[in-house]
Amino acid sequence: MATALLNIRRSLVAMVVFTVFFGFVYMFAGTGVSQLFFRHQADGSVSAEGSTLIGQNWNGYSTTRILHPQWFHGRPDSDDPLVATGKPGESASANLAPRSEELLQDVHALVVAWHKVGVDPTTDLVTTSGSGITPDISPADALVQIPMVSKATGVSAARLRALISHETRGAELGFLGSRYVVVLQLNEALAKLEK
């Protein structure tokens, strides 16, 4: 009987210690470290126009595939989760098979929409990413949009190329992935340009 009570007491003490440590101390330590060293990322990487971690649409890019030519655009989302008004939506990958008729129709509609604004789109500009909310594009994806943006804004193609070059980031840690451009930051920089 005494052994049973001792084991119950040890179990209760262990439960309280582990609950306090893993439920509170560990959580607050993790939050403190992230706020101290990675504040921007821990707070969602939010700027005045949105988050640099979540792909979002610019000025009403909607399910009807209307592209506004005065902005650079990222990869399409399977359900267009965020619009310029900041209203949140749901997002996930489309999970459509390569031979899916729906995927083929979506890609065809996007190609037509890009051609209407004078852009010969890259593959990435007409296909969704694995997450469906990729915030960045390759420099090539941005460069093909220069004629459209230049015509709509009056900013010269040379200035837009320089802007893209300035906003291009290298591979993570110098070797993970490839060079990329965060569309949100590119459009924020574009908005600041003087014509």
N, C-alpha and C. Protein backbone atom coordinates (compact mmCIF):
# COMPACT_ATOMS: atom_id res chain seq x y z
N MET A 1 0.82 -1.19 0.00
CA MET A 1 0.00 0.00 0.00
C MET A 1 0.87 1.27 0.00
N ALA A 2 1.90 1.24 0.83
CA ALA A 2 2.80 2.40 0.91
C ALA A 2 3.52 2.61 -0.41
N THR A 3 3.89 1.51 -1.08
CA THR A 3 4.56 1.60 -2.38
C THR A 3 3.63 2.21 -3.42
N ALA A 4 2.36 1.83 -3.40
CA ALA A 4 1.39 2.35 -4.35
C ALA A 4 1.21 3.86 -4.15
N LEU A 5 1.09 4.30 -2.89
CA LEU A 5 0.94 5.73 -2.61
C LEU A 5 2.19 6.51 -3.03
N LEU A 6 3.36 5.92 -2.82
CA LEU A 6 4.61 6.55 -3.23
C LEU A 6 4.65 6.72 -4.75
N ASN A 7 4.24 5.71 -5.49
CA ASN A 7 4.23 5.76 -6.96
C ASN A 7 3.21 6.79 -7.46
N ILE A 8 2.06 6.87 -6.80
CA ILE A 8 1.05 7.86 -7.20
C ILE A 8 1.58 9.27 -6.94
N ARG A 9 2.20 9.47 -5.78
CA ARG A 9 2.76 10.78 -5.44
C ARG A 9 3.85 11.17 -6.45
N ARG A 10 4.74 10.24 -6.78
CA ARG A 10 5.80 10.52 -7.77
C ARG A 10 5.20 10.86 -9.13
N SER A 11 4.17 10.13 -9.50
CA SER A 11 3.50 10.38 -10.79
C SER A 11 2.87 11.76 -10.81
N LEU A 12 2.21 12.16 -9.73
CA LEU A 12 1.59 13.48 -9.67
C LEU A 12 2.64 14.60 -9.70
N VAL A 13 3.73 14.39 -8.93
CA VAL A 13 4.81 15.39 -8.94
C VAL A 13 5.42 15.50 -10.35
N ALA A 14 5.66 14.37 -11.00
CA ALA A 14 6.22 14.38 -12.36
C ALA A 14 5.26 15.07 -13.32
N MET A 15 3.97 14.82 -13.17
CA MET A 15 2.98 15.44 -14.05
C MET A 15 2.99 16.97 -13.87
N VAL A 16 3.03 17.44 -12.64
CA VAL A 16 3.05 18.87 -12.37
C VAL A 16 4.34 19.50 -12.91
N VAL A 17 5.48 18.85 -12.65
CA VAL A 17 6.76 19.38 -13.13
C VAL A 17 6.78 19.45 -14.66
N PHE A 18 6.38 18.38 -15.33
CA PHE A 18 6.39 18.37 -16.80
C PHE A 18 5.37 19.36 -17.37
N THR A 19 4.22 19.49 -16.72
CA THR A 19 3.22 20.46 -17.20
C THR A 19 3.76 21.87 -17.09
N VAL A 20 4.36 22.20 -15.96
CA VAL A 20 4.92 23.54 -15.77
C VAL A 20 6.06 23.77 -16.76
N PHE A 21 6.96 22.79 -16.88
CA PHE A 21 8.12 22.98 -17.76
C PHE A 21 7.72 23.05 -19.23
N PHE A 22 7.02 22.01 -19.73
CA PHE A 22 6.70 21.97 -21.16
C PHE A 22 5.49 22.82 -21.53
N GLY A 23 4.61 23.07 -20.56
CA GLY A 23 3.43 23.88 -20.85
C GLY A 23 3.66 25.36 -20.73
N PHE A 24 4.62 25.76 -19.89
CA PHE A 24 4.82 27.18 -19.66
C PHE A 24 6.27 27.63 -19.92
N VAL A 25 7.21 27.06 -19.21
CA VAL A 25 8.61 27.49 -19.32
C VAL A 25 9.11 27.34 -20.75
N TYR A 26 8.94 26.15 -21.34
CA TYR A 26 9.42 25.90 -22.70
C TYR A 26 8.73 26.82 -23.70
N MET A 27 7.42 27.01 -23.54
CA MET A 27 6.66 27.86 -24.45
C MET A 27 7.13 29.31 -24.36
N PHE A 28 7.27 29.83 -23.15
CA PHE A 28 7.71 31.22 -23.00
C PHE A 28 9.16 31.40 -23.44
N ALA A 29 10.00 30.41 -23.20
CA ALA A 29 11.39 30.48 -23.65
C ALA A 29 11.44 30.52 -25.18
N GLY A 30 10.66 29.66 -25.83
CA GLY A 30 10.61 29.64 -27.29
C GLY A 30 10.10 30.95 -27.85
N THR A 31 9.05 31.49 -27.25
CA THR A 31 8.51 32.78 -27.68
C THR A 31 9.53 33.89 -27.46
N GLY A 32 10.20 33.86 -26.32
CA GLY A 32 11.21 34.89 -26.02
C GLY A 32 12.37 34.86 -27.00
N VAL A 33 12.88 33.67 -27.29
CA VAL A 33 13.99 33.52 -28.24
C VAL A 33 13.56 33.99 -29.63
N SER A 34 12.36 33.58 -30.07
CA SER A 34 11.91 33.98 -31.40
C SER A 34 11.70 35.49 -31.48
N GLN A 35 11.16 36.10 -30.42
CA GLN A 35 10.98 37.56 -30.42
C GLN A 35 12.32 38.29 -30.36
N LEU A 36 13.28 37.73 -29.66
CA LEU A 36 14.58 38.36 -29.51
C LEU A 36 15.41 38.30 -30.80
N PHE A 37 15.44 37.12 -31.43
CA PHE A 37 16.32 36.92 -32.59
C PHE A 37 15.61 36.95 -33.94
N PHE A 38 14.30 36.65 -33.97
CA PHE A 38 13.57 36.55 -35.24
C PHE A 38 12.24 37.29 -35.16
N ARG A 39 12.28 38.49 -34.64
CA ARG A 39 11.03 39.23 -34.37
C ARG A 39 10.15 39.39 -35.61
N HIS A 40 10.73 39.80 -36.73
CA HIS A 40 9.95 40.03 -37.95
C HIS A 40 9.24 38.74 -38.40
N GLN A 41 9.96 37.63 -38.41
CA GLN A 41 9.35 36.36 -38.81
C GLN A 41 8.33 35.88 -37.77
N ALA A 42 8.66 36.02 -36.48
CA ALA A 42 7.75 35.55 -35.42
C ALA A 42 6.45 36.33 -35.43
N ASP A 43 6.49 37.58 -35.84
CA ASP A 43 5.29 38.39 -35.90
C ASP A 43 4.56 38.26 -37.24
N GLY A 44 4.96 37.31 -38.08
CA GLY A 44 4.26 37.05 -39.33
C GLY A 44 4.82 37.74 -40.54
N SER A 45 5.96 38.41 -40.40
CA SER A 45 6.58 39.14 -41.51
C SER A 45 5.60 40.08 -42.20
N VAL A 46 4.83 40.79 -41.39
CA VAL A 46 3.78 41.65 -41.91
C VAL A 46 4.32 43.05 -42.18
N SER A 47 3.97 43.56 -43.36
CA SER A 47 4.29 44.94 -43.70
C SER A 47 2.97 45.68 -43.84
N ALA A 48 2.99 46.91 -44.29
CA ALA A 48 1.77 47.69 -44.44
C ALA A 48 0.83 47.07 -45.47
N GLU A 49 1.37 46.32 -46.42
CA GLU A 49 0.57 45.76 -47.50
C GLU A 49 0.26 44.28 -47.35
N GLY A 50 0.82 43.62 -46.38
CA GLY A 50 0.58 42.19 -46.20
C GLY A 50 1.81 41.49 -45.66
N SER A 51 1.83 40.18 -45.78
CA SER A 51 2.95 39.38 -45.27
C SER A 51 3.86 38.95 -46.41
N THR A 52 5.16 38.98 -46.14
CA THR A 52 6.12 38.53 -47.14
C THR A 52 6.22 37.01 -47.18
N LEU A 53 5.50 36.33 -46.29
CA LEU A 53 5.53 34.87 -46.24
C LEU A 53 4.34 34.23 -46.94
N ILE A 54 3.36 35.03 -47.36
CA ILE A 54 2.14 34.50 -47.96
C ILE A 54 1.91 35.19 -49.30
N GLY A 55 1.75 34.40 -50.34
CA GLY A 55 1.45 34.97 -51.65
C GLY A 55 0.07 35.62 -51.61
N GLN A 56 -0.05 36.78 -52.23
CA GLN A 56 -1.32 37.48 -52.23
C GLN A 56 -1.52 38.19 -53.54
N ASN A 57 -2.74 38.48 -53.82
CA ASN A 57 -3.09 39.11 -55.09
C ASN A 57 -2.99 40.62 -54.97
N TRP A 58 -2.83 41.26 -56.12
CA TRP A 58 -2.66 42.70 -56.15
C TRP A 58 -3.80 43.34 -56.91
N ASN A 59 -4.48 44.28 -56.24
CA ASN A 59 -5.56 45.08 -56.85
C ASN A 59 -6.60 44.27 -57.60
N GLY A 60 -7.20 43.35 -56.90
CA GLY A 60 -8.38 42.70 -57.43
C GLY A 60 -8.15 41.54 -58.37
N TYR A 61 -6.99 40.93 -58.35
CA TYR A 61 -6.80 39.72 -59.15
C TYR A 61 -7.77 38.69 -58.61
N SER A 62 -8.77 38.34 -59.36
CA SER A 62 -9.88 37.55 -58.83
C SER A 62 -9.99 36.22 -59.54
N THR A 63 -11.00 35.47 -59.16
CA THR A 63 -11.21 34.15 -59.77
C THR A 63 -11.56 34.27 -61.24
N THR A 64 -11.90 35.47 -61.71
CA THR A 64 -12.17 35.65 -63.13
C THR A 64 -10.89 35.90 -63.91
N ARG A 65 -9.74 35.81 -63.24
CA ARG A 65 -8.42 35.93 -63.86
C ARG A 65 -8.19 37.30 -64.49
N ILE A 66 -8.59 38.34 -63.77
CA ILE A 66 -8.31 39.70 -64.24
C ILE A 66 -6.95 40.10 -63.70
N LEU A 67 -6.03 40.39 -64.58
CA LEU A 67 -4.69 40.82 -64.18
C LEU A 67 -4.61 42.34 -64.31
N HIS A 68 -4.21 42.99 -63.25
CA HIS A 68 -4.04 44.44 -63.30
C HIS A 68 -2.59 44.71 -63.70
N PRO A 69 -2.40 45.30 -64.87
CA PRO A 69 -1.06 45.40 -65.45
C PRO A 69 -0.10 46.36 -64.75
N GLN A 70 -0.58 47.17 -63.83
CA GLN A 70 0.34 48.11 -63.16
C GLN A 70 1.14 47.46 -62.04
N TRP A 71 0.90 46.18 -61.76
CA TRP A 71 1.61 45.47 -60.69
C TRP A 71 2.23 44.18 -61.20
N PHE A 72 3.25 43.73 -60.52
CA PHE A 72 3.81 42.40 -60.77
C PHE A 72 2.93 41.39 -60.05
N HIS A 73 2.81 40.23 -60.64
CA HIS A 73 1.96 39.19 -60.06
C HIS A 73 2.78 37.94 -59.79
N GLY A 74 2.37 37.21 -58.75
CA GLY A 74 3.02 35.97 -58.38
C GLY A 74 2.32 34.77 -59.00
N ARG A 75 2.64 33.62 -58.46
CA ARG A 75 2.02 32.39 -58.95
C ARG A 75 0.55 32.37 -58.55
N PRO A 76 -0.29 31.75 -59.35
CA PRO A 76 -1.70 31.71 -59.00
C PRO A 76 -1.95 30.78 -57.82
N ASP A 77 -2.99 31.08 -57.08
CA ASP A 77 -3.43 30.22 -55.99
C ASP A 77 -4.63 29.45 -56.51
N SER A 78 -4.82 28.27 -55.99
CA SER A 78 -5.92 27.44 -56.48
C SER A 78 -7.27 28.05 -56.17
N ASP A 79 -7.37 28.91 -55.15
CA ASP A 79 -8.66 29.55 -54.87
C ASP A 79 -8.54 31.04 -54.59
N ASP A 80 -7.45 31.66 -55.01
CA ASP A 80 -7.27 33.10 -54.85
C ASP A 80 -7.61 33.55 -53.42
N PRO A 81 -6.78 33.21 -52.43
CA PRO A 81 -7.16 33.39 -51.04
C PRO A 81 -7.17 34.82 -50.52
N LEU A 82 -6.32 35.67 -51.02
CA LEU A 82 -6.25 37.03 -50.50
C LEU A 82 -6.43 38.03 -51.62
N VAL A 83 -7.19 39.05 -51.35
CA VAL A 83 -7.37 40.10 -52.34
C VAL A 83 -6.84 41.40 -51.78
N ALA A 84 -6.78 42.41 -52.60
CA ALA A 84 -6.16 43.66 -52.19
C ALA A 84 -6.87 44.33 -51.03
N THR A 85 -8.11 44.00 -50.78
CA THR A 85 -8.83 44.60 -49.66
C THR A 85 -8.37 44.01 -48.34
N GLY A 86 -7.57 42.96 -48.39
CA GLY A 86 -7.07 42.35 -47.18
C GLY A 86 -7.99 41.33 -46.57
N LYS A 87 -9.09 41.03 -47.24
CA LYS A 87 -10.01 40.02 -46.72
C LYS A 87 -9.36 38.65 -46.82
N PRO A 88 -9.26 37.93 -45.70
CA PRO A 88 -8.62 36.62 -45.76
C PRO A 88 -9.54 35.57 -46.36
N GLY A 89 -8.93 34.56 -46.91
CA GLY A 89 -9.67 33.42 -47.43
C GLY A 89 -8.96 32.15 -47.03
N GLU A 90 -9.43 31.06 -47.52
CA GLU A 90 -8.77 29.80 -47.24
C GLU A 90 -7.84 29.48 -48.39
N SER A 91 -6.82 28.71 -48.11
CA SER A 91 -5.89 28.37 -49.17
C SER A 91 -5.27 27.02 -48.92
N ALA A 92 -4.98 26.35 -49.99
CA ALA A 92 -4.31 25.06 -49.95
C ALA A 92 -3.89 24.74 -51.37
N SER A 93 -3.14 23.69 -51.53
CA SER A 93 -2.76 23.29 -52.88
C SER A 93 -3.98 22.71 -53.58
N ALA A 94 -3.96 22.76 -54.89
CA ALA A 94 -5.10 22.30 -55.67
C ALA A 94 -5.19 20.77 -55.70
N ASN A 95 -4.04 20.11 -55.60
CA ASN A 95 -3.98 18.65 -55.66
C ASN A 95 -4.62 18.07 -56.92
N LEU A 96 -4.45 18.77 -58.02
CA LEU A 96 -4.98 18.28 -59.29
C LEU A 96 -3.90 17.48 -60.00
N ALA A 97 -4.29 16.35 -60.54
CA ALA A 97 -3.35 15.48 -61.23
C ALA A 97 -2.89 16.13 -62.54
N PRO A 98 -1.72 15.76 -63.05
CA PRO A 98 -1.21 16.36 -64.28
C PRO A 98 -2.15 16.22 -65.48
N ARG A 99 -2.99 15.20 -65.47
CA ARG A 99 -3.91 15.01 -66.59
C ARG A 99 -5.32 15.51 -66.27
N SER A 100 -5.46 16.25 -65.22
CA SER A 100 -6.77 16.77 -64.79
C SER A 100 -7.31 17.76 -65.81
N GLU A 101 -8.56 17.60 -66.18
CA GLU A 101 -9.21 18.51 -67.11
C GLU A 101 -9.36 19.90 -66.47
N GLU A 102 -9.65 19.92 -65.18
CA GLU A 102 -9.79 21.20 -64.47
C GLU A 102 -8.47 21.96 -64.46
N LEU A 103 -7.36 21.25 -64.23
CA LEU A 103 -6.05 21.88 -64.25
C LEU A 103 -5.76 22.44 -65.64
N LEU A 104 -6.05 21.68 -66.66
CA LEU A 104 -5.83 22.13 -68.03
C LEU A 104 -6.64 23.39 -68.33
N GLN A 105 -7.89 23.43 -67.89
CA GLN A 105 -8.73 24.61 -68.11
C GLN A 105 -8.20 25.83 -67.35
N ASP A 106 -7.76 25.60 -66.10
CA ASP A 106 -7.21 26.71 -65.31
C ASP A 106 -5.96 27.28 -65.96
N VAL A 107 -5.07 26.40 -66.39
CA VAL A 107 -3.83 26.85 -67.03
C VAL A 107 -4.14 27.59 -68.34
N HIS A 108 -5.04 27.05 -69.12
CA HIS A 108 -5.42 27.70 -70.38
C HIS A 108 -6.01 29.09 -70.12
N ALA A 109 -6.88 29.20 -69.11
CA ALA A 109 -7.48 30.50 -68.78
C ALA A 109 -6.41 31.50 -68.34
N LEU A 110 -5.44 31.03 -67.60
CA LEU A 110 -4.36 31.92 -67.17
C LEU A 110 -3.48 32.35 -68.35
N VAL A 111 -3.19 31.44 -69.24
CA VAL A 111 -2.40 31.80 -70.42
C VAL A 111 -3.12 32.86 -71.24
N VAL A 112 -4.41 32.68 -71.43
CA VAL A 112 -5.22 33.66 -72.17
C VAL A 112 -5.20 35.01 -71.46
N ALA A 113 -5.36 35.00 -70.13
CA ALA A 113 -5.37 36.26 -69.36
C ALA A 113 -4.02 36.98 -69.48
N TRP A 114 -2.92 36.22 -69.38
CA TRP A 114 -1.61 36.84 -69.51
C TRP A 114 -1.41 37.40 -70.91
N HIS A 115 -1.84 36.67 -71.94
CA HIS A 115 -1.68 37.16 -73.31
C HIS A 115 -2.48 38.44 -73.53
N LYS A 116 -3.63 38.57 -72.87
CA LYS A 116 -4.45 39.78 -73.02
C LYS A 116 -3.73 41.02 -72.52
N VAL A 117 -2.83 40.86 -71.56
CA VAL A 117 -2.07 42.01 -71.05
C VAL A 117 -0.67 42.08 -71.65
N GLY A 118 -0.43 41.29 -72.68
CA GLY A 118 0.83 41.38 -73.41
C GLY A 118 2.01 40.63 -72.82
N VAL A 119 1.75 39.61 -72.02
CA VAL A 119 2.82 38.85 -71.40
C VAL A 119 2.79 37.41 -71.91
N ASP A 120 3.98 36.93 -72.31
CA ASP A 120 4.12 35.52 -72.65
C ASP A 120 4.57 34.83 -71.36
N PRO A 121 3.63 34.22 -70.62
CA PRO A 121 3.95 33.78 -69.25
C PRO A 121 4.90 32.60 -69.19
N THR A 122 5.65 32.56 -68.10
CA THR A 122 6.48 31.39 -67.80
C THR A 122 5.56 30.31 -67.23
N THR A 123 6.09 29.12 -67.10
CA THR A 123 5.31 28.01 -66.54
C THR A 123 4.83 28.32 -65.13
N ASP A 124 5.69 28.93 -64.32
CA ASP A 124 5.32 29.22 -62.94
C ASP A 124 4.16 30.21 -62.84
N LEU A 125 4.03 31.11 -63.79
CA LEU A 125 2.96 32.11 -63.71
C LEU A 125 1.59 31.54 -64.05
N VAL A 126 1.54 30.31 -64.55
CA VAL A 126 0.24 29.72 -64.89
C VAL A 126 -0.03 28.43 -64.14
N THR A 127 0.85 28.05 -63.22
CA THR A 127 0.64 26.84 -62.41
C THR A 127 0.79 27.19 -60.94
N THR A 128 0.01 26.51 -60.11
CA THR A 128 0.10 26.76 -58.67
C THR A 128 1.31 26.05 -58.10
N SER A 129 1.74 26.53 -56.95
CA SER A 129 2.85 25.88 -56.25
C SER A 129 2.31 24.77 -55.37
N GLY A 130 3.20 24.05 -54.72
CA GLY A 130 2.77 22.97 -53.83
C GLY A 130 1.93 23.47 -52.67
N SER A 131 2.28 24.63 -52.12
CA SER A 131 1.52 25.17 -50.99
C SER A 131 0.30 25.95 -51.45
N GLY A 132 0.36 26.49 -52.65
CA GLY A 132 -0.74 27.31 -53.14
C GLY A 132 -0.62 28.77 -52.73
N ILE A 133 0.33 29.11 -51.89
CA ILE A 133 0.46 30.50 -51.42
C ILE A 133 1.92 30.97 -51.44
N THR A 134 2.67 30.57 -52.44
CA THR A 134 4.07 30.95 -52.54
C THR A 134 4.20 32.46 -52.70
N PRO A 135 4.99 33.12 -51.83
CA PRO A 135 5.11 34.57 -51.88
C PRO A 135 6.12 35.09 -52.89
N ASP A 136 6.91 34.21 -53.48
CA ASP A 136 7.97 34.68 -54.36
C ASP A 136 7.90 34.03 -55.73
N ILE A 137 8.62 34.66 -56.65
CA ILE A 137 8.74 34.16 -58.01
C ILE A 137 10.21 34.22 -58.40
N SER A 138 10.55 33.60 -59.50
CA SER A 138 11.93 33.66 -59.98
C SER A 138 12.14 35.01 -60.67
N PRO A 139 13.39 35.45 -60.79
CA PRO A 139 13.65 36.68 -61.53
C PRO A 139 13.09 36.62 -62.96
N ALA A 140 13.16 35.44 -63.58
CA ALA A 140 12.62 35.30 -64.94
C ALA A 140 11.13 35.57 -64.98
N ASP A 141 10.40 35.11 -63.94
CA ASP A 141 8.95 35.37 -63.88
C ASP A 141 8.67 36.87 -63.79
N ALA A 142 9.51 37.59 -63.08
CA ALA A 142 9.33 39.04 -62.96
C ALA A 142 9.72 39.75 -64.25
N LEU A 143 10.80 39.30 -64.86
CA LEU A 143 11.29 39.97 -66.08
C LEU A 143 10.29 39.90 -67.23
N VAL A 144 9.57 38.79 -67.36
CA VAL A 144 8.61 38.70 -68.48
C VAL A 144 7.43 39.65 -68.29
N GLN A 145 7.24 40.17 -67.08
CA GLN A 145 6.13 41.09 -66.81
C GLN A 145 6.50 42.55 -67.04
N ILE A 146 7.77 42.81 -67.33
CA ILE A 146 8.24 44.19 -67.49
C ILE A 146 7.47 44.96 -68.57
N PRO A 147 7.27 44.43 -69.78
CA PRO A 147 6.55 45.22 -70.79
C PRO A 147 5.15 45.62 -70.32
N MET A 148 4.46 44.72 -69.63
CA MET A 148 3.11 45.00 -69.15
C MET A 148 3.14 46.12 -68.11
N VAL A 149 4.02 46.01 -67.12
CA VAL A 149 4.10 46.99 -66.04
C VAL A 149 4.60 48.33 -66.57
N SER A 150 5.56 48.31 -67.47
CA SER A 150 6.10 49.53 -68.04
C SER A 150 5.03 50.30 -68.80
N LYS A 151 4.26 49.59 -69.59
CA LYS A 151 3.21 50.23 -70.38
C LYS A 151 2.13 50.82 -69.47
N ALA A 152 1.78 50.11 -68.41
CA ALA A 152 0.71 50.56 -67.52
C ALA A 152 1.13 51.69 -66.60
N THR A 153 2.41 51.72 -66.21
CA THR A 153 2.86 52.71 -65.22
C THR A 153 3.67 53.85 -65.80
N GLY A 154 4.24 53.65 -66.98
CA GLY A 154 5.11 54.66 -67.56
C GLY A 154 6.54 54.59 -67.06
N VAL A 155 6.84 53.63 -66.17
CA VAL A 155 8.20 53.44 -65.68
C VAL A 155 8.98 52.71 -66.77
N SER A 156 10.17 53.18 -67.07
CA SER A 156 10.95 52.59 -68.16
C SER A 156 11.32 51.13 -67.85
N ALA A 157 11.50 50.37 -68.92
CA ALA A 157 11.89 48.96 -68.78
C ALA A 157 13.23 48.84 -68.07
N ALA A 158 14.14 49.77 -68.34
CA ALA A 158 15.46 49.73 -67.70
C ALA A 158 15.34 49.92 -66.18
N ARG A 159 14.48 50.85 -65.75
CA ARG A 159 14.29 51.06 -64.31
C ARG A 159 13.63 49.84 -63.66
N LEU A 160 12.72 49.22 -64.38
CA LEU A 160 12.06 48.02 -63.83
C LEU A 160 13.04 46.86 -63.73
N ARG A 161 13.92 46.71 -64.73
CA ARG A 161 14.95 45.66 -64.64
C ARG A 161 15.88 45.91 -63.44
N ALA A 162 16.25 47.16 -63.24
CA ALA A 162 17.10 47.51 -62.09
C ALA A 162 16.38 47.24 -60.78
N LEU A 163 15.09 47.54 -60.75
CA LEU A 163 14.29 47.28 -59.55
C LEU A 163 14.22 45.79 -59.25
N ILE A 164 14.00 44.99 -60.27
CA ILE A 164 13.94 43.53 -60.09
C ILE A 164 15.30 43.02 -59.61
N SER A 165 16.36 43.53 -60.21
CA SER A 165 17.71 43.12 -59.79
C SER A 165 17.95 43.47 -58.33
N HIS A 166 17.52 44.66 -57.93
CA HIS A 166 17.70 45.10 -56.54
C HIS A 166 16.89 44.24 -55.57
N GLU A 167 15.70 43.81 -55.97
CA GLU A 167 14.81 43.04 -55.10
C GLU A 167 15.06 41.53 -55.16
N THR A 168 15.97 41.09 -56.02
CA THR A 168 16.27 39.66 -56.14
C THR A 168 17.12 39.21 -54.97
N ARG A 169 16.70 38.15 -54.34
CA ARG A 169 17.41 37.57 -53.20
C ARG A 169 18.15 36.32 -53.67
N GLY A 170 19.27 36.05 -53.05
CA GLY A 170 20.05 34.86 -53.38
C GLY A 170 19.47 33.61 -52.72
N ALA A 171 20.05 32.49 -53.04
CA ALA A 171 19.62 31.22 -52.44
C ALA A 171 19.79 31.31 -50.92
N GLU A 172 18.89 30.67 -50.20
CA GLU A 172 18.98 30.67 -48.74
C GLU A 172 20.30 30.04 -48.31
N LEU A 173 20.98 30.68 -47.39
CA LEU A 173 22.28 30.26 -46.87
C LEU A 173 23.31 30.09 -47.99
N GLY A 174 23.04 30.68 -49.14
CA GLY A 174 23.97 30.64 -50.25
C GLY A 174 23.90 29.40 -51.12
N PHE A 175 23.15 28.38 -50.70
CA PHE A 175 23.11 27.15 -51.51
C PHE A 175 21.75 26.44 -51.51
N LEU A 176 20.81 26.87 -50.70
CA LEU A 176 19.50 26.21 -50.66
C LEU A 176 18.53 26.89 -51.63
N GLY A 177 18.06 26.17 -52.60
CA GLY A 177 17.13 26.73 -53.56
C GLY A 177 17.82 27.57 -54.61
N SER A 178 17.06 28.51 -55.16
CA SER A 178 17.60 29.38 -56.20
C SER A 178 17.23 30.82 -55.90
N ARG A 179 17.67 31.72 -56.75
CA ARG A 179 17.38 33.13 -56.56
C ARG A 179 15.87 33.38 -56.69
N TYR A 180 15.37 34.37 -55.94
CA TYR A 180 13.93 34.62 -55.96
C TYR A 180 13.64 36.08 -55.69
N VAL A 181 12.41 36.48 -56.00
CA VAL A 181 11.93 37.84 -55.78
C VAL A 181 10.62 37.72 -55.00
N VAL A 182 10.53 38.39 -53.85
CA VAL A 182 9.28 38.42 -53.09
C VAL A 182 8.37 39.44 -53.76
N VAL A 183 7.23 38.99 -54.27
CA VAL A 183 6.34 39.84 -55.06
C VAL A 183 5.84 41.04 -54.25
N LEU A 184 5.51 40.83 -53.00
CA LEU A 184 5.04 41.93 -52.15
C LEU A 184 6.09 43.04 -52.07
N GLN A 185 7.34 42.67 -51.81
CA GLN A 185 8.39 43.67 -51.68
C GLN A 185 8.68 44.35 -53.02
N LEU A 186 8.58 43.59 -54.10
CA LEU A 186 8.78 44.17 -55.43
C LEU A 186 7.70 45.21 -55.73
N ASN A 187 6.46 44.90 -55.41
CA ASN A 187 5.38 45.85 -55.66
C ASN A 187 5.44 47.05 -54.72
N GLU A 188 5.87 46.82 -53.49
CA GLU A 188 6.06 47.96 -52.58
C GLU A 188 7.15 48.90 -53.11
N ALA A 189 8.23 48.32 -53.61
CA ALA A 189 9.31 49.14 -54.19
C ALA A 189 8.83 49.84 -55.45
N LEU A 190 8.02 49.16 -56.24
CA LEU A 190 7.47 49.77 -57.46
C LEU A 190 6.59 50.96 -57.10
N ALA A 191 5.79 50.84 -56.07
CA ALA A 191 4.90 51.93 -55.66
C ALA A 191 5.69 53.16 -55.23
N LYS A 192 6.91 52.96 -54.74
CA LYS A 192 7.74 54.09 -54.30
C LYS A 192 8.51 54.76 -55.43
N LEU A 193 8.58 54.10 -56.58
CA LEU A 193 9.35 54.67 -57.70
C LEU A 193 8.69 55.95 -58.19
N GLU A 194 9.51 56.92 -58.52
CA GLU A 194 9.00 58.12 -59.16
C GLU A 194 9.02 57.89 -60.66
N LYS A 195 7.94 58.23 -61.29
CA LYS A 195 7.85 58.01 -62.74
C LYS A 195 8.70 58.98 -63.51
